[in-house]
Amino acid sequence: MALVVADRIKETSTTSGTGTLTLAGASAGFRSFADIGNGNTTYYSIVDSNAGTWEVGIGTYTSSGTTLSRDTVLSNSSGTTAKINFSANSKDVFVTYPAAKSVHEDASDVAYAQHLAAANGIFLSNQTISTSMTFPTGYDGISGKNSTIASGITVTVPSGQTWTIV
């Protein structure tokens, strides 16, 4: 299904362990994950304030049982990409826009990808590339025509992949 990001989606859960969360309904002033749509994926964050643990990832909402699976962990309070083994404490579960997935504009209104060699591909926009990099296997890249490569820096595009300058 589709990746859906929506504003003001927040519920709670007391599910423990590393598996799928059962959601307990919208928090006051927020909307429920039902707005994401059955079978759709979304970026999520889980925060257990009592234990000081958190996780950010990509999950799938299922309306039957009102659950959110934890498909891919992007970051967590342990500094890894493993699922946090949450306790049965009440946790806030909400839709977020992870920094690792963001594309935004800098102060000069130039589009900028948070991670040039992100696991989901390459996007370089009208900027100076100042760190040597290799495109991830299986991903192509695209850059604005005003992109430059700093002296002594290399950009490696694996065989069979492309880097298009537009």
Protein backbone atom coordinates (compact mmCIF):
# COMPACT_ATOMS: atom_id res chain seq x y z
CA MET A 1 0.00 0.00 0.00
CA ALA A 2 1.01 3.67 0.27
CA LEU A 3 3.38 5.51 2.59
CA VAL A 4 1.18 8.05 4.42
CA VAL A 5 2.40 10.89 6.63
CA ALA A 6 -0.28 12.87 8.46
CA ASP A 7 -0.35 15.60 11.09
CA ARG A 8 -1.47 15.17 14.70
CA ILE A 9 -1.67 11.36 14.80
CA LYS A 10 -0.97 10.10 18.33
CA GLU A 11 -2.13 7.15 20.38
CA THR A 12 -0.87 5.20 23.37
CA SER A 13 0.06 1.55 23.81
CA THR A 14 0.98 -0.71 26.72
CA THR A 15 2.24 -3.52 24.46
CA SER A 16 5.51 -4.97 25.71
CA GLY A 17 8.31 -6.66 23.78
CA THR A 18 9.62 -6.16 20.26
CA GLY A 19 6.53 -7.01 18.25
CA THR A 20 3.51 -5.30 16.78
CA LEU A 21 1.85 -2.67 18.99
CA THR A 22 -1.83 -2.71 19.89
CA LEU A 23 -2.99 0.90 19.88
CA ALA A 24 -5.35 2.25 22.54
CA GLY A 25 -7.07 5.09 20.67
CA ALA A 26 -6.30 8.73 19.92
CA SER A 27 -4.76 10.86 22.65
CA ALA A 28 -6.74 13.96 23.65
CA GLY A 29 -6.45 16.62 20.94
CA PHE A 30 -5.02 14.19 18.38
CA ARG A 31 -6.29 11.92 15.61
CA SER A 32 -5.96 8.13 15.53
CA PHE A 33 -3.80 5.96 13.29
CA ALA A 34 -7.03 5.02 11.47
CA ASP A 35 -6.42 8.21 9.46
CA ILE A 36 -3.31 6.54 8.00
CA GLY A 37 -5.56 3.90 6.42
CA ASN A 38 -5.67 0.13 6.70
CA GLY A 39 -2.57 -1.53 5.26
CA ASN A 40 -0.69 1.73 4.70
CA THR A 41 2.80 2.38 6.05
CA THR A 42 3.90 5.44 7.97
CA TYR A 43 6.87 6.84 9.85
CA TYR A 44 6.35 6.34 13.57
CA SER A 45 7.93 7.15 16.89
CA ILE A 46 7.39 5.26 20.14
CA VAL A 47 8.37 6.95 23.39
CA ASP A 48 8.38 5.31 26.82
CA SER A 49 9.02 8.31 29.09
CA ASN A 50 9.06 6.12 32.21
CA ALA A 51 11.90 3.93 30.93
CA GLY A 52 13.62 6.65 28.89
CA THR A 53 13.49 4.55 25.71
CA TRP A 54 12.35 5.47 22.21
CA GLU A 55 12.29 4.17 18.66
CA VAL A 56 11.73 5.77 15.24
CA GLY A 57 10.84 3.65 12.25
CA ILE A 58 8.51 2.63 9.46
CA GLY A 59 5.43 0.64 10.37
CA THR A 60 2.19 -0.64 8.89
CA TYR A 61 -1.21 0.21 10.35
CA THR A 62 -3.86 -2.52 10.44
CA SER A 63 -7.43 -1.56 11.34
CA SER A 64 -8.35 -5.09 12.42
CA GLY A 65 -7.09 -5.08 15.99
CA THR A 66 -5.89 -1.48 15.60
CA THR A 67 -2.23 -2.40 15.42
CA LEU A 68 1.01 -0.88 14.18
CA SER A 69 3.74 -3.25 13.06
CA ARG A 70 7.34 -2.17 13.50
CA ASP A 71 8.73 -3.04 10.06
CA THR A 72 11.97 -1.05 9.89
CA VAL A 73 13.74 0.71 12.76
CA LEU A 74 15.60 3.84 11.64
CA SER A 75 16.99 4.89 15.03
CA ASN A 76 16.48 4.29 18.73
CA SER A 77 17.59 5.27 22.22
CA SER A 78 20.27 2.54 22.14
CA GLY A 79 21.95 4.09 19.10
CA THR A 80 21.16 1.10 16.88
CA THR A 81 18.52 0.07 14.34
CA ALA A 82 17.23 -2.84 16.43
CA LYS A 83 13.72 -2.95 17.86
CA ILE A 84 13.55 -1.75 21.45
CA ASN A 85 12.27 -4.39 23.88
CA PHE A 86 9.64 -2.14 25.46
CA SER A 87 8.20 -2.75 28.91
CA ALA A 88 4.43 -2.74 29.56
CA ASN A 89 4.54 0.97 30.51
CA SER A 90 2.20 3.32 28.71
CA LYS A 91 3.99 4.63 25.62
CA ASP A 92 3.19 7.47 23.24
CA VAL A 93 3.02 6.30 19.61
CA PHE A 94 2.83 8.98 16.94
CA VAL A 95 3.48 9.79 13.30
CA THR A 96 6.74 11.64 12.72
CA TYR A 97 8.97 12.77 9.86
CA PRO A 98 12.40 11.24 10.56
CA ALA A 99 15.46 13.39 9.93
CA ALA A 100 17.09 10.46 8.11
CA LYS A 101 14.26 10.54 5.54
CA SER A 102 13.91 14.30 5.23
CA VAL A 103 14.44 16.49 2.22
CA HIS A 104 14.18 20.15 3.08
CA GLU A 105 15.42 23.60 2.09
CA ASP A 106 18.40 25.31 3.68
CA ALA A 107 18.40 28.99 4.69
CA SER A 108 18.97 29.94 1.03
CA ASP A 109 15.91 27.94 -0.12
CA VAL A 110 18.07 25.26 -1.75
CA ALA A 111 16.72 21.71 -1.48
CA TYR A 112 18.89 19.52 0.71
CA ALA A 113 18.76 15.81 1.45
CA GLN A 114 19.60 15.01 5.09
CA HIS A 115 21.82 12.06 4.12
CA LEU A 116 23.48 12.10 0.73
CA ALA A 117 23.96 8.35 0.71
CA ALA A 118 20.76 7.39 2.49
CA ALA A 119 19.64 3.78 2.28
CA ASN A 120 16.75 4.88 0.04
CA GLY A 121 18.96 6.42 -2.65
CA ILE A 122 20.79 9.57 -3.63
CA PHE A 123 19.57 13.10 -4.18
CA LEU A 124 22.14 15.87 -4.54
CA SER A 125 20.87 19.37 -5.25
CA ASN A 126 22.86 22.39 -6.39
CA GLN A 127 25.46 22.04 -3.67
CA THR A 128 29.13 21.37 -3.24
CA ILE A 129 29.83 17.72 -2.49
CA SER A 130 32.53 17.91 0.17
CA THR A 131 32.65 14.28 1.35
CA SER A 132 33.70 11.32 -0.79
CA MET A 133 30.84 8.91 -1.26
CA THR A 134 29.68 5.77 -3.05
CA PHE A 135 26.12 5.35 -4.24
CA PRO A 136 24.36 2.47 -2.44
CA THR A 137 24.03 -0.68 -4.52
CA GLY A 138 20.92 -0.61 -6.67
CA TYR A 139 20.28 3.15 -6.44
CA ASP A 140 20.68 5.89 -9.03
CA GLY A 141 21.27 9.56 -8.30
CA ILE A 142 20.08 12.92 -9.52
CA SER A 143 21.65 16.36 -9.04
CA GLY A 144 20.98 19.94 -10.04
CA LYS A 145 23.14 21.41 -12.79
CA ASN A 146 24.92 23.71 -10.31
CA SER A 147 26.28 20.88 -8.14
CA THR A 148 30.06 20.80 -7.78
CA ILE A 149 32.55 18.32 -6.38
CA ALA A 150 35.21 19.78 -4.07
CA SER A 151 38.87 19.25 -4.89
CA GLY A 152 40.16 15.81 -3.85
CA ILE A 153 36.65 14.38 -3.37
CA THR A 154 35.44 11.30 -5.25
CA VAL A 155 31.92 10.16 -6.03
CA THR A 156 31.67 6.50 -7.04
CA VAL A 157 28.72 5.30 -9.12
CA PRO A 158 28.73 1.47 -9.28
CA SER A 159 28.54 -0.24 -12.66
CA GLY A 160 24.98 -0.42 -13.99
CA GLN A 161 23.83 2.60 -11.96
CA THR A 162 23.47 6.21 -13.14
CA TRP A 163 23.96 9.71 -11.86
CA THR A 164 21.88 12.21 -13.81
CA ILE A 165 22.61 15.94 -13.79
CA VAL A 166 19.52 17.99 -14.62
